[in-house]
Amino acid sequence: MAEDRHIIMGIHVDDRIKKATAIQEQLTAYGCHIKTRLGLHEVDGNFCAGYGLILLELVGGQKEADELAAKLNALEGVEVKLMTFDHT
């Protein structure tokens, strides 16, 4: 990734418990391209959502981001969206 660009990946997961292992395998494989990772899900004293959202700040390049997105999108119940911000 060029220093003048940020690539943010949003990963929506419909069943965090069932999909965690397959998703983690891909995130581990691309671990050197993940600068920041944030996991979000709805929770309170009486409820813990089965669905969730993972936000990644990626380093490397568009090729690696597209590869990871394709592998994650191939998993049933996983939806990936990419945002690219250029700072030029």
PDB file of N, CA and C in Angstrom:
ATOM      1  N   MET A   1       0.841  -1.165   0.000  1.00  0.00           N
ATOM      2  CA  MET A   1       0.000   0.000   0.000  1.00  0.00           C
ATOM      3  C   MET A   1       0.885   1.226   0.000  1.00  0.00           C
ATOM      4  N   ALA A   2       0.606   2.157  -0.852  1.00  0.00           N
ATOM      5  CA  ALA A   2       1.337   3.409  -0.873  1.00  0.00           C
ATOM      6  C   ALA A   2       1.023   4.181   0.403  1.00  0.00           C
ATOM      7  N   GLU A   3       1.969   5.005   0.864  1.00  0.00           N
ATOM      8  CA  GLU A   3       1.768   5.759   2.093  1.00  0.00           C
ATOM      9  C   GLU A   3       0.632   6.764   1.976  1.00  0.00           C
ATOM     10  N   ASP A   4       0.241   7.125   0.772  1.00  0.00           N
ATOM     11  CA  ASP A   4      -0.818   8.109   0.583  1.00  0.00           C
ATOM     12  C   ASP A   4      -2.188   7.457   0.399  1.00  0.00           C
ATOM     13  N   ARG A   5      -2.343   6.199   0.831  1.00  0.00           N
ATOM     14  CA  ARG A   5      -3.601   5.477   0.646  1.00  0.00           C
ATOM     15  C   ARG A   5      -3.919   4.642   1.889  1.00  0.00           C
ATOM     16  N   HIS A   6      -5.175   4.650   2.264  1.00  0.00           N
ATOM     17  CA  HIS A   6      -5.670   3.765   3.317  1.00  0.00           C
ATOM     18  C   HIS A   6      -6.688   2.816   2.700  1.00  0.00           C
ATOM     19  N   ILE A   7      -6.557   1.539   2.988  1.00  0.00           N
ATOM     20  CA  ILE A   7      -7.546   0.552   2.560  1.00  0.00           C
ATOM     21  C   ILE A   7      -8.206   0.016   3.825  1.00  0.00           C
ATOM     22  N   ILE A   8      -9.526   0.180   3.905  1.00  0.00           N
ATOM     23  CA  ILE A   8     -10.315  -0.302   5.030  1.00  0.00           C
ATOM     24  C   ILE A   8     -11.227  -1.411   4.518  1.00  0.00           C
ATOM     25  N   MET A   9     -11.233  -2.534   5.227  1.00  0.00           N
ATOM     26  CA  MET A   9     -12.085  -3.665   4.867  1.00  0.00           C
ATOM     27  C   MET A   9     -13.121  -3.865   5.965  1.00  0.00           C
ATOM     28  N   GLY A  10     -14.374  -3.951   5.564  1.00  0.00           N
ATOM     29  CA  GLY A  10     -15.452  -4.295   6.478  1.00  0.00           C
ATOM     30  C   GLY A  10     -15.900  -5.717   6.193  1.00  0.00           C
ATOM     31  N   ILE A  11     -15.981  -6.530   7.225  1.00  0.00           N
ATOM     32  CA  ILE A  11     -16.365  -7.940   7.082  1.00  0.00           C
ATOM     33  C   ILE A  11     -17.593  -8.184   7.952  1.00  0.00           C
ATOM     34  N   HIS A  12     -18.738  -8.431   7.316  1.00  0.00           N
ATOM     35  CA  HIS A  12     -19.965  -8.743   8.058  1.00  0.00           C
ATOM     36  C   HIS A  12     -20.086 -10.258   8.146  1.00  0.00           C
ATOM     37  N   VAL A  13     -20.300 -10.754   9.360  1.00  0.00           N
ATOM     38  CA  VAL A  13     -20.367 -12.196   9.615  1.00  0.00           C
ATOM     39  C   VAL A  13     -21.735 -12.513  10.205  1.00  0.00           C
ATOM     40  N   ASP A  14     -22.459 -13.438   9.576  1.00  0.00           N
ATOM     41  CA  ASP A  14     -23.814 -13.736  10.055  1.00  0.00           C
ATOM     42  C   ASP A  14     -23.839 -14.667  11.264  1.00  0.00           C
ATOM     43  N   ASP A  15     -22.797 -15.464  11.473  1.00  0.00           N
ATOM     44  CA  ASP A  15     -22.739 -16.378  12.622  1.00  0.00           C
ATOM     45  C   ASP A  15     -21.298 -16.432  13.119  1.00  0.00           C
ATOM     46  N   ARG A  16     -20.979 -15.571  14.078  1.00  0.00           N
ATOM     47  CA  ARG A  16     -19.604 -15.438  14.557  1.00  0.00           C
ATOM     48  C   ARG A  16     -19.037 -16.750  15.093  1.00  0.00           C
ATOM     49  N   ILE A  17     -19.839 -17.505  15.808  1.00  0.00           N
ATOM     50  CA  ILE A  17     -19.347 -18.728  16.434  1.00  0.00           C
ATOM     51  C   ILE A  17     -18.993 -19.778  15.380  1.00  0.00           C
ATOM     52  N   LYS A  18     -19.884 -20.020  14.441  1.00  0.00           N
ATOM     53  CA  LYS A  18     -19.651 -21.051  13.425  1.00  0.00           C
ATOM     54  C   LYS A  18     -18.587 -20.656  12.410  1.00  0.00           C
ATOM     55  N   LYS A  19     -18.434 -19.370  12.131  1.00  0.00           N
ATOM     56  CA  LYS A  19     -17.519 -18.922  11.073  1.00  0.00           C
ATOM     57  C   LYS A  19     -16.147 -18.495  11.593  1.00  0.00           C
ATOM     58  N   ALA A  20     -15.981 -18.409  12.911  1.00  0.00           N
ATOM     59  CA  ALA A  20     -14.761 -17.843  13.489  1.00  0.00           C
ATOM     60  C   ALA A  20     -13.491 -18.542  13.009  1.00  0.00           C
ATOM     61  N   THR A  21     -13.472 -19.857  12.986  1.00  0.00           N
ATOM     62  CA  THR A  21     -12.256 -20.584  12.618  1.00  0.00           C
ATOM     63  C   THR A  21     -11.864 -20.319  11.173  1.00  0.00           C
ATOM     64  N   ALA A  22     -12.812 -20.407  10.252  1.00  0.00           N
ATOM     65  CA  ALA A  22     -12.505 -20.192   8.828  1.00  0.00           C
ATOM     66  C   ALA A  22     -12.053 -18.759   8.571  1.00  0.00           C
ATOM     67  N   ILE A  23     -12.694 -17.799   9.227  1.00  0.00           N
ATOM     68  CA  ILE A  23     -12.303 -16.398   9.053  1.00  0.00           C
ATOM     69  C   ILE A  23     -10.920 -16.167   9.634  1.00  0.00           C
ATOM     70  N   GLN A  24     -10.674 -16.698  10.836  1.00  0.00           N
ATOM     71  CA  GLN A  24      -9.376 -16.499  11.480  1.00  0.00           C
ATOM     72  C   GLN A  24      -8.241 -17.096  10.656  1.00  0.00           C
ATOM     73  N   GLU A  25      -8.476 -18.219   9.997  1.00  0.00           N
ATOM     74  CA  GLU A  25      -7.448 -18.811   9.129  1.00  0.00           C
ATOM     75  C   GLU A  25      -7.023 -17.831   8.043  1.00  0.00           C
ATOM     76  N   GLN A  26      -7.975 -17.161   7.423  1.00  0.00           N
ATOM     77  CA  GLN A  26      -7.650 -16.197   6.367  1.00  0.00           C
ATOM     78  C   GLN A  26      -6.971 -14.956   6.945  1.00  0.00           C
ATOM     79  N   LEU A  27      -7.456 -14.471   8.088  1.00  0.00           N
ATOM     80  CA  LEU A  27      -6.837 -13.295   8.699  1.00  0.00           C
ATOM     81  C   LEU A  27      -5.401 -13.598   9.120  1.00  0.00           C
ATOM     82  N   THR A  28      -5.155 -14.806   9.603  1.00  0.00           N
ATOM     83  CA  THR A  28      -3.793 -15.199   9.971  1.00  0.00           C
ATOM     84  C   THR A  28      -2.902 -15.269   8.741  1.00  0.00           C
ATOM     85  N   ALA A  29      -3.419 -15.816   7.648  1.00  0.00           N
ATOM     86  CA  ALA A  29      -2.634 -15.923   6.411  1.00  0.00           C
ATOM     87  C   ALA A  29      -2.231 -14.550   5.885  1.00  0.00           C
ATOM     88  N   TYR A  30      -3.062 -13.541   6.114  1.00  0.00           N
ATOM     89  CA  TYR A  30      -2.786 -12.179   5.640  1.00  0.00           C
ATOM     90  C   TYR A  30      -2.384 -11.258   6.795  1.00  0.00           C
ATOM     91  N   GLY A  31      -1.960 -11.841   7.896  1.00  0.00           N
ATOM     92  CA  GLY A  31      -1.656 -11.085   9.104  1.00  0.00           C
ATOM     93  C   GLY A  31      -0.645  -9.968   8.930  1.00  0.00           C
ATOM     94  N   CYS A  32       0.337 -10.150   8.066  1.00  0.00           N
ATOM     95  CA  CYS A  32       1.349  -9.109   7.847  1.00  0.00           C
ATOM     96  C   CYS A  32       0.807  -7.942   7.028  1.00  0.00           C
ATOM     97  N   HIS A  33      -0.417  -8.054   6.544  1.00  0.00           N
ATOM     98  CA  HIS A  33      -1.054  -6.973   5.787  1.00  0.00           C
ATOM     99  C   HIS A  33      -2.140  -6.272   6.606  1.00  0.00           C
ATOM    100  N   ILE A  34      -2.328  -6.704   7.853  1.00  0.00           N
ATOM    101  CA  ILE A  34      -3.358  -6.124   8.716  1.00  0.00           C
ATOM    102  C   ILE A  34      -2.685  -5.253   9.770  1.00  0.00           C
ATOM    103  N   LYS A  35      -2.911  -3.955   9.665  1.00  0.00           N
ATOM    104  CA  LYS A  35      -2.331  -3.005  10.625  1.00  0.00           C
ATOM    105  C   LYS A  35      -3.227  -2.860  11.855  1.00  0.00           C
ATOM    106  N   THR A  36      -4.537  -2.752  11.626  1.00  0.00           N
ATOM    107  CA  THR A  36      -5.490  -2.550  12.714  1.00  0.00           C
ATOM    108  C   THR A  36      -6.677  -3.480  12.510  1.00  0.00           C
ATOM    109  N   ARG A  37      -7.167  -4.040  13.614  1.00  0.00           N
ATOM    110  CA  ARG A  37      -8.331  -4.934  13.563  1.00  0.00           C
ATOM    111  C   ARG A  37      -9.273  -4.558  14.702  1.00  0.00           C
ATOM    112  N   LEU A  38     -10.556  -4.408  14.365  1.00  0.00           N
ATOM    113  CA  LEU A  38     -11.568  -4.051  15.355  1.00  0.00           C
ATOM    114  C   LEU A  38     -12.791  -4.929  15.139  1.00  0.00           C
ATOM    115  N   GLY A  39     -13.216  -5.621  16.174  1.00  0.00           N
ATOM    116  CA  GLY A  39     -14.401  -6.463  16.090  1.00  0.00           C
ATOM    117  C   GLY A  39     -15.569  -5.821  16.813  1.00  0.00           C
ATOM    118  N   LEU A  40     -16.732  -5.802  16.181  1.00  0.00           N
ATOM    119  CA  LEU A  40     -17.931  -5.189  16.751  1.00  0.00           C
ATOM    120  C   LEU A  40     -19.085  -6.183  16.727  1.00  0.00           C
ATOM    121  N   HIS A  41     -19.810  -6.265  17.828  1.00  0.00           N
ATOM    122  CA  HIS A  41     -21.066  -7.015  17.852  1.00  0.00           C
ATOM    123  C   HIS A  41     -21.937  -6.446  18.962  1.00  0.00           C
ATOM    124  N   GLU A  42     -23.230  -6.647  18.817  1.00  0.00           N
ATOM    125  CA  GLU A  42     -24.185  -6.109  19.785  1.00  0.00           C
ATOM    126  C   GLU A  42     -24.177  -6.972  21.042  1.00  0.00           C
ATOM    127  N   VAL A  43     -24.066  -6.315  22.186  1.00  0.00           N
ATOM    128  CA  VAL A  43     -24.040  -7.047  23.453  1.00  0.00           C
ATOM    129  C   VAL A  43     -24.574  -6.145  24.570  1.00  0.00           C
ATOM    130  N   ASP A  44     -25.325  -6.749  25.487  1.00  0.00           N
ATOM    131  CA  ASP A  44     -25.704  -6.081  26.730  1.00  0.00           C
ATOM    132  C   ASP A  44     -25.808  -7.165  27.798  1.00  0.00           C
ATOM    133  N   GLY A  45     -26.343  -6.840  28.936  1.00  0.00           N
ATOM    134  CA  GLY A  45     -26.391  -7.803  30.029  1.00  0.00           C
ATOM    135  C   GLY A  45     -27.171  -9.071  29.738  1.00  0.00           C
ATOM    136  N   ASN A  46     -28.122  -9.006  28.794  1.00  0.00           N
ATOM    137  CA  ASN A  46     -28.988 -10.152  28.517  1.00  0.00           C
ATOM    138  C   ASN A  46     -28.886 -10.686  27.098  1.00  0.00           C
ATOM    139  N   PHE A  47     -28.003 -10.109  26.299  1.00  0.00           N
ATOM    140  CA  PHE A  47     -27.979 -10.482  24.878  1.00  0.00           C
ATOM    141  C   PHE A  47     -26.565 -10.364  24.325  1.00  0.00           C
ATOM    142  N   CYS A  48     -26.183 -11.344  23.528  1.00  0.00           N
ATOM    143  CA  CYS A  48     -24.912 -11.304  22.804  1.00  0.00           C
ATOM    144  C   CYS A  48     -25.199 -11.757  21.375  1.00  0.00           C
ATOM    145  N   ALA A  49     -25.086 -10.840  20.435  1.00  0.00           N
ATOM    146  CA  ALA A  49     -25.453 -11.115  19.042  1.00  0.00           C
ATOM    147  C   ALA A  49     -24.567 -12.190  18.431  1.00  0.00           C
ATOM    148  N   GLY A  50     -25.174 -13.025  17.621  1.00  0.00           N
ATOM    149  CA  GLY A  50     -24.426 -14.033  16.884  1.00  0.00           C
ATOM    150  C   GLY A  50     -23.757 -13.469  15.651  1.00  0.00           C
ATOM    151  N   TYR A  51     -24.254 -12.338  15.175  1.00  0.00           N
ATOM    152  CA  TYR A  51     -23.671 -11.684  14.005  1.00  0.00           C
ATOM    153  C   TYR A  51     -22.646 -10.656  14.476  1.00  0.00           C
ATOM    154  N   GLY A  52     -21.786 -10.229  13.565  1.00  0.00           N
ATOM    155  CA  GLY A  52     -20.785  -9.239  13.944  1.00  0.00           C
ATOM    156  C   GLY A  52     -20.156  -8.581  12.743  1.00  0.00           C
ATOM    157  N   LEU A  53     -19.326  -7.603  13.037  1.00  0.00           N
ATOM    158  CA  LEU A  53     -18.625  -6.838  12.020  1.00  0.00           C
ATOM    159  C   LEU A  53     -17.164  -6.731  12.428  1.00  0.00           C
ATOM    160  N   ILE A  54     -16.270  -6.993  11.483  1.00  0.00           N
ATOM    161  CA  ILE A  54     -14.835  -6.836  11.698  1.00  0.00           C
ATOM    162  C   ILE A  54     -14.361  -5.739  10.757  1.00  0.00           C
ATOM    163  N   LEU A  55     -13.626  -4.773  11.295  1.00  0.00           N
ATOM    164  CA  LEU A  55     -13.029  -3.714  10.484  1.00  0.00           C
ATOM    165  C   LEU A  55     -11.520  -3.897  10.485  1.00  0.00           C
ATOM    166  N   LEU A  56     -10.927  -3.849   9.295  1.00  0.00           N
ATOM    167  CA  LEU A  56      -9.480  -3.984   9.152  1.00  0.00           C
ATOM    168  C   LEU A  56      -8.908  -2.769   8.451  1.00  0.00           C
ATOM    169  N   GLU A  57      -7.764  -2.298   8.925  1.00  0.00           N
ATOM    170  CA  GLU A  57      -6.952  -1.322   8.190  1.00  0.00           C
ATOM    171  C   GLU A  57      -5.813  -2.137   7.591  1.00  0.00           C
ATOM    172  N   LEU A  58      -5.716  -2.132   6.268  1.00  0.00           N
ATOM    173  CA  LEU A  58      -4.757  -2.983   5.573  1.00  0.00           C
ATOM    174  C   LEU A  58      -3.545  -2.202   5.090  1.00  0.00           C
ATOM    175  N   VAL A  59      -2.412  -2.884   5.068  1.00  0.00           N
ATOM    176  CA  VAL A  59      -1.197  -2.368   4.452  1.00  0.00           C
ATOM    177  C   VAL A  59      -0.782  -3.369   3.387  1.00  0.00           C
ATOM    178  N   GLY A  60       0.035  -2.954   2.476  1.00  0.00           N
ATOM    179  CA  GLY A  60       0.428  -3.806   1.358  1.00  0.00           C
ATOM    180  C   GLY A  60      -0.024  -3.142   0.090  1.00  0.00           C
ATOM    181  N   GLY A  61      -1.024  -3.690  -0.528  1.00  0.00           N
ATOM    182  CA  GLY A  61      -1.515  -3.112  -1.769  1.00  0.00           C
ATOM    183  C   GLY A  61      -2.921  -3.570  -2.076  1.00  0.00           C
ATOM    184  N   GLN A  62      -3.446  -3.031  -3.147  1.00  0.00           N
ATOM    185  CA  GLN A  62      -4.802  -3.374  -3.563  1.00  0.00           C
ATOM    186  C   GLN A  62      -4.911  -4.852  -3.913  1.00  0.00           C
ATOM    187  N   LYS A  63      -3.839  -5.420  -4.478  1.00  0.00           N
ATOM    188  CA  LYS A  63      -3.853  -6.836  -4.861  1.00  0.00           C
ATOM    189  C   LYS A  63      -4.116  -7.725  -3.644  1.00  0.00           C
ATOM    190  N   GLU A  64      -3.387  -7.480  -2.564  1.00  0.00           N
ATOM    191  CA  GLU A  64      -3.560  -8.283  -1.357  1.00  0.00           C
ATOM    192  C   GLU A  64      -4.952  -8.080  -0.754  1.00  0.00           C
ATOM    193  N   ALA A  65      -5.428  -6.843  -0.763  1.00  0.00           N
ATOM    194  CA  ALA A  65      -6.765  -6.556  -0.243  1.00  0.00           C
ATOM    195  C   ALA A  65      -7.827  -7.293  -1.054  1.00  0.00           C
ATOM    196  N   ASP A  66      -7.696  -7.268  -2.369  1.00  0.00           N
ATOM    197  CA  ASP A  66      -8.658  -7.951  -3.237  1.00  0.00           C
ATOM    198  C   ASP A  66      -8.605  -9.463  -3.044  1.00  0.00           C
ATOM    199  N   GLU A  67      -7.401 -10.016  -2.870  1.00  0.00           N
ATOM    200  CA  GLU A  67      -7.254 -11.459  -2.642  1.00  0.00           C
ATOM    201  C   GLU A  67      -7.942 -11.877  -1.348  1.00  0.00           C
ATOM    202  N   LEU A  68      -7.668 -11.140  -0.272  1.00  0.00           N
ATOM    203  CA  LEU A  68      -8.283 -11.462   1.014  1.00  0.00           C
ATOM    204  C   LEU A  68      -9.799 -11.315   0.936  1.00  0.00           C
ATOM    205  N   ALA A  69     -10.270 -10.258   0.308  1.00  0.00           N
ATOM    206  CA  ALA A  69     -11.714 -10.048   0.159  1.00  0.00           C
ATOM    207  C   ALA A  69     -12.358 -11.215  -0.584  1.00  0.00           C
ATOM    208  N   ALA A  70     -11.733 -11.675  -1.652  1.00  0.00           N
ATOM    209  CA  ALA A  70     -12.288 -12.788  -2.431  1.00  0.00           C
ATOM    210  C   ALA A  70     -12.354 -14.065  -1.597  1.00  0.00           C
ATOM    211  N   LYS A  71     -11.310 -14.339  -0.826  1.00  0.00           N
ATOM    212  CA  LYS A  71     -11.294 -15.554  -0.003  1.00  0.00           C
ATOM    213  C   LYS A  71     -12.353 -15.490   1.092  1.00  0.00           C
ATOM    214  N   LEU A  72     -12.514 -14.329   1.701  1.00  0.00           N
ATOM    215  CA  LEU A  72     -13.530 -14.193   2.743  1.00  0.00           C
ATOM    216  C   LEU A  72     -14.937 -14.214   2.151  1.00  0.00           C
ATOM    217  N   ASN A  73     -15.138 -13.563   1.012  1.00  0.00           N
ATOM    218  CA  ASN A  73     -16.451 -13.561   0.356  1.00  0.00           C
ATOM    219  C   ASN A  73     -16.874 -14.958  -0.078  1.00  0.00           C
ATOM    220  N   ALA A  74     -15.909 -15.852  -0.289  1.00  0.00           N
ATOM    221  CA  ALA A  74     -16.220 -17.225  -0.691  1.00  0.00           C
ATOM    222  C   ALA A  74     -16.820 -18.034   0.460  1.00  0.00           C
ATOM    223  N   LEU A  75     -16.688 -17.531   1.683  1.00  0.00           N
ATOM    224  CA  LEU A  75     -17.249 -18.218   2.838  1.00  0.00           C
ATOM    225  C   LEU A  75     -18.737 -17.875   2.955  1.00  0.00           C
ATOM    226  N   GLU A  76     -19.563 -18.891   3.104  1.00  0.00           N
ATOM    227  CA  GLU A  76     -21.004 -18.666   3.233  1.00  0.00           C
ATOM    228  C   GLU A  76     -21.295 -17.850   4.489  1.00  0.00           C
ATOM    229  N   GLY A  77     -22.139 -16.832   4.348  1.00  0.00           N
ATOM    230  CA  GLY A  77     -22.513 -16.009   5.486  1.00  0.00           C
ATOM    231  C   GLY A  77     -21.544 -14.885   5.797  1.00  0.00           C
ATOM    232  N   VAL A  78     -20.576 -14.664   4.905  1.00  0.00           N
ATOM    233  CA  VAL A  78     -19.595 -13.593   5.087  1.00  0.00           C
ATOM    234  C   VAL A  78     -19.715 -12.630   3.911  1.00  0.00           C
ATOM    235  N   GLU A  79     -19.795 -11.341   4.211  1.00  0.00           N
ATOM    236  CA  GLU A  79     -19.865 -10.303   3.177  1.00  0.00           C
ATOM    237  C   GLU A  79     -18.753  -9.294   3.441  1.00  0.00           C
ATOM    238  N   VAL A  80     -17.994  -8.966   2.392  1.00  0.00           N
ATOM    239  CA  VAL A  80     -16.856  -8.054   2.520  1.00  0.00           C
ATOM    240  C   VAL A  80     -17.071  -6.830   1.645  1.00  0.00           C
ATOM    241  N   LYS A  81     -16.728  -5.668   2.201  1.00  0.00           N
ATOM    242  CA  LYS A  81     -16.731  -4.418   1.434  1.00  0.00           C
ATOM    243  C   LYS A  81     -15.407  -3.717   1.682  1.00  0.00           C
ATOM    244  N   LEU A  82     -14.882  -3.110   0.622  1.00  0.00           N
ATOM    245  CA  LEU A  82     -13.620  -2.373   0.707  1.00  0.00           C
ATOM    246  C   LEU A  82     -13.859  -0.884   0.514  1.00  0.00           C
ATOM    247  N   MET A  83     -13.116  -0.092   1.265  1.00  0.00           N
ATOM    248  CA  MET A  83     -13.091   1.359   1.083  1.00  0.00           C
ATOM    249  C   MET A  83     -11.632   1.757   0.906  1.00  0.00           C
ATOM    250  N   THR A  84     -11.356   2.562  -0.103  1.00  0.00           N
ATOM    251  CA  THR A  84      -9.999   3.047  -0.340  1.00  0.00           C
ATOM    252  C   THR A  84     -10.007   4.561  -0.306  1.00  0.00           C
ATOM    253  N   PHE A  85      -9.123   5.117   0.500  1.00  0.00           N
ATOM    254  CA  PHE A  85      -8.997   6.562   0.640  1.00  0.00           C
ATOM    255  C   PHE A  85      -7.624   6.976   0.141  1.00  0.00           C
ATOM    256  N   ASP A  86      -7.587   7.833  -0.868  1.00  0.00           N
ATOM    257  CA  ASP A  86      -6.332   8.376  -1.383  1.00  0.00           C
ATOM    258  C   ASP A  86      -6.091   9.729  -0.742  1.00  0.00           C
ATOM    259  N   HIS A  87      -4.872   9.984  -0.349  1.00  0.00           N
ATOM    260  CA  HIS A  87      -4.516  11.232   0.321  1.00  0.00           C
ATOM    261  C   HIS A  87      -3.629  12.095  -0.562  1.00  0.00           C
ATOM    262  N   THR A  88      -3.859  12.046  -1.859  1.00  0.00           N
ATOM    263  CA  THR A  88      -3.028  12.835  -2.770  1.00  0.00           C
ATOM    264  C   THR A  88      -3.701  14.133  -3.137  1.00  0.00           C
TER     265      THR A  88
END
